[in-house]
Amino acid sequence: MKTNLITREGFQRLKKELDFLWKEERPEVTKKVTWAASLGDRSENADYQYNKKRLREIDRRVRYLRKRLDQVKVVDYAPQQEGRVFFGAWVEVENQAGDVKKFRIVGPDEIYGDAKGYISIDSPMARALLKKEVDDEVTVKTPEGEKEWFVNCIVYQSDDALSD
């Protein structure tokens, strides 16, 4: 299951990646392929083979990003969300052993790369937390069984809202 939601920041990040690949990296790699092809025998030309492969990877990612950016719905913060866990919230939870986890609930396209502390809205933890308030107890179903967590804090402002 892949939810078609994304934060404004996530949308901008994907758009920036698409622009970089299409306007900067692809033209550069195309030049290298053209240059390597002009050298003659392509079967043993590592520059040609590598850059041709890279060009296919770029084109594949560009196709994916264009399609995905058309599918996703940007969800912005709304004041009605305050006090409860919804999409885009920074949440701090704690279990009975005292383990504390801090993360932001975002779309599945935002959890990769340098997105530290982000979890997908499709994850069991995020699903269990939706609409909960501070001090609520949450039961999360995991492969190891059910786990109990307590909601300590909910913030919607900045990316460093729950930083130590």
Protein backbone atom coordinates (compact mmCIF):
# COMPACT_ATOMS: atom_id res chain seq x y z
CA MET A 1 0.00 0.00 0.00
CA LYS A 2 1.38 3.38 -0.98
CA THR A 3 -0.45 6.51 0.10
CA ASN A 4 -0.37 9.38 -2.39
CA LEU A 5 0.26 12.07 0.24
CA ILE A 6 3.35 14.24 0.54
CA THR A 7 4.41 17.24 2.61
CA ARG A 8 5.16 20.54 0.89
CA GLU A 9 8.87 20.06 1.71
CA GLY A 10 8.86 16.54 0.25
CA PHE A 11 7.19 17.73 -2.94
CA GLN A 12 9.77 20.49 -3.35
CA ARG A 13 12.59 17.98 -2.76
CA LEU A 14 11.28 15.61 -5.47
CA LYS A 15 10.74 18.52 -7.87
CA LYS A 16 14.28 19.75 -7.22
CA GLU A 17 15.65 16.24 -7.91
CA LEU A 18 13.68 16.07 -11.18
CA ASP A 19 14.95 19.49 -12.27
CA PHE A 20 18.54 18.55 -11.43
CA LEU A 21 18.39 15.25 -13.29
CA TRP A 22 16.67 16.70 -16.36
CA LYS A 23 18.42 20.06 -16.66
CA GLU A 24 21.90 19.36 -15.32
CA GLU A 25 22.92 15.72 -15.03
CA ARG A 26 21.22 14.32 -18.14
CA PRO A 27 22.73 16.89 -20.57
CA GLU A 28 26.18 16.28 -19.04
CA VAL A 29 25.91 12.49 -19.37
CA THR A 30 24.54 12.85 -22.91
CA LYS A 31 27.67 14.83 -23.85
CA LYS A 32 29.88 12.08 -22.42
CA VAL A 33 27.98 9.38 -24.35
CA THR A 34 28.30 11.36 -27.57
CA TRP A 35 32.02 11.91 -27.00
CA ALA A 36 32.64 8.25 -26.11
CA ALA A 37 30.65 7.08 -29.15
CA SER A 38 32.80 9.26 -31.41
CA LEU A 39 35.89 7.29 -30.36
CA GLY A 40 34.84 4.30 -32.42
CA ASP A 41 34.46 0.74 -31.11
CA ARG A 42 31.75 0.90 -28.44
CA SER A 43 31.95 -2.74 -27.36
CA GLU A 44 35.13 -2.20 -25.34
CA ASN A 45 34.62 1.46 -24.48
CA ALA A 46 34.05 1.67 -20.72
CA ASP A 47 33.17 5.39 -20.83
CA TYR A 48 30.48 4.72 -23.39
CA GLN A 49 29.03 1.70 -21.58
CA TYR A 50 29.03 3.31 -18.14
CA ASN A 51 27.49 6.59 -19.27
CA LYS A 52 24.92 4.83 -21.46
CA LYS A 53 23.88 2.83 -18.38
CA ARG A 54 23.77 6.02 -16.29
CA LEU A 55 21.62 7.69 -18.95
CA ARG A 56 19.10 4.82 -18.72
CA GLU A 57 19.05 5.18 -14.91
CA ILE A 58 18.44 8.93 -15.18
CA ASP A 59 15.66 8.44 -17.73
CA ARG A 60 14.01 5.80 -15.55
CA ARG A 61 14.10 8.08 -12.50
CA VAL A 62 12.84 11.08 -14.51
CA ARG A 63 9.87 9.05 -15.79
CA TYR A 64 9.10 7.88 -12.25
CA LEU A 65 9.35 11.39 -10.76
CA ARG A 66 7.16 12.98 -13.44
CA LYS A 67 4.49 10.34 -12.96
CA ARG A 68 4.71 10.42 -9.16
CA LEU A 69 4.59 14.23 -8.89
CA ASP A 70 1.31 14.14 -10.86
CA GLN A 71 -0.14 11.49 -8.53
CA VAL A 72 0.70 12.89 -5.10
CA LYS A 73 -1.42 15.31 -3.10
CA VAL A 74 0.44 17.95 -1.10
CA VAL A 75 -0.84 18.17 2.48
CA ASP A 76 -0.16 21.43 4.26
CA TYR A 77 -0.48 22.12 7.97
CA ALA A 78 -3.89 23.25 9.21
CA PRO A 79 -4.47 24.79 12.67
CA GLN A 80 -7.24 22.25 13.34
CA GLN A 81 -4.55 19.57 13.60
CA GLU A 82 -3.04 21.01 16.79
CA GLY A 83 -3.04 18.62 19.72
CA ARG A 84 -3.60 15.48 17.66
CA VAL A 85 -1.40 13.32 15.45
CA PHE A 86 -2.01 13.80 11.74
CA PHE A 87 0.06 13.71 8.55
CA GLY A 88 3.15 15.93 8.83
CA ALA A 89 3.34 15.84 12.64
CA TRP A 90 6.56 15.48 14.58
CA VAL A 91 5.82 12.94 17.30
CA GLU A 92 7.75 11.77 20.36
CA VAL A 93 6.71 8.41 21.82
CA GLU A 94 8.02 6.39 24.75
CA ASN A 95 7.54 2.78 25.80
CA GLN A 96 7.45 1.32 29.32
CA ALA A 97 11.16 0.50 29.16
CA GLY A 98 11.90 4.22 28.68
CA ASP A 99 12.91 3.96 25.01
CA VAL A 100 12.09 7.23 23.29
CA LYS A 101 11.53 7.62 19.54
CA LYS A 102 11.14 10.91 17.69
CA PHE A 103 9.94 11.05 14.09
CA ARG A 104 7.82 12.85 11.54
CA ILE A 105 4.92 11.16 9.79
CA VAL A 106 5.32 11.76 6.06
CA GLY A 107 4.50 10.21 2.69
CA PRO A 108 6.27 7.06 1.48
CA ASP A 109 8.32 9.07 -1.04
CA GLU A 110 9.97 11.11 1.73
CA ILE A 111 11.50 8.43 3.95
CA TYR A 112 14.56 7.68 1.82
CA GLY A 113 17.90 9.39 1.44
CA ASP A 114 18.79 12.04 3.99
CA ALA A 115 15.34 12.04 5.62
CA LYS A 116 16.40 11.08 9.13
CA GLY A 117 13.63 10.59 11.61
CA TYR A 118 10.86 10.25 9.04
CA ILE A 119 8.39 7.37 8.96
CA SER A 120 5.80 6.59 6.32
CA ILE A 121 2.13 7.25 6.94
CA ASP A 122 1.69 3.63 5.81
CA SER A 123 3.81 2.21 8.66
CA PRO A 124 2.12 0.38 11.55
CA MET A 125 3.41 2.99 14.02
CA ALA A 126 2.00 5.93 12.05
CA ARG A 127 -1.34 4.19 11.48
CA ALA A 128 -1.67 3.48 15.21
CA LEU A 129 -0.80 7.08 16.13
CA LEU A 130 -3.27 8.85 13.84
CA LYS A 131 -5.73 11.06 15.74
CA LYS A 132 -4.06 10.34 19.10
CA GLU A 133 -3.30 13.08 21.64
CA VAL A 134 -0.50 13.68 24.14
CA ASP A 135 -0.55 11.11 26.98
CA ASP A 136 -2.57 8.61 24.91
CA GLU A 137 -1.45 5.00 24.96
CA VAL A 138 -0.97 3.40 21.55
CA THR A 139 -0.79 -0.29 20.67
CA VAL A 140 1.34 -0.98 17.62
CA LYS A 141 1.15 -4.36 15.88
CA THR A 142 4.63 -5.53 14.87
CA PRO A 143 6.00 -8.84 13.59
CA GLU A 144 7.24 -9.52 17.15
CA GLY A 145 3.77 -8.87 18.59
CA GLU A 146 1.95 -5.89 20.01
CA LYS A 147 3.98 -3.05 21.54
CA GLU A 148 2.71 -0.29 23.83
CA TRP A 149 3.79 3.33 23.34
CA PHE A 150 2.82 6.59 25.03
CA VAL A 151 2.55 9.88 23.13
CA ASN A 152 4.81 12.46 24.81
CA CYS A 153 4.78 15.34 22.35
CA ILE A 154 3.16 16.44 19.07
CA VAL A 155 4.57 19.37 17.08
CA TYR A 156 3.83 20.67 13.60
CA GLN A 157 6.28 23.57 13.18
CA SER A 158 9.84 23.02 11.99
CA ASP A 159 12.04 20.05 11.10
CA ASP A 160 14.07 20.58 14.26
CA ALA A 161 11.00 20.79 16.51
CA LEU A 162 11.92 17.75 18.63
CA SER A 163 15.71 18.05 18.45
CA ASP A 164 17.71 17.39 21.59
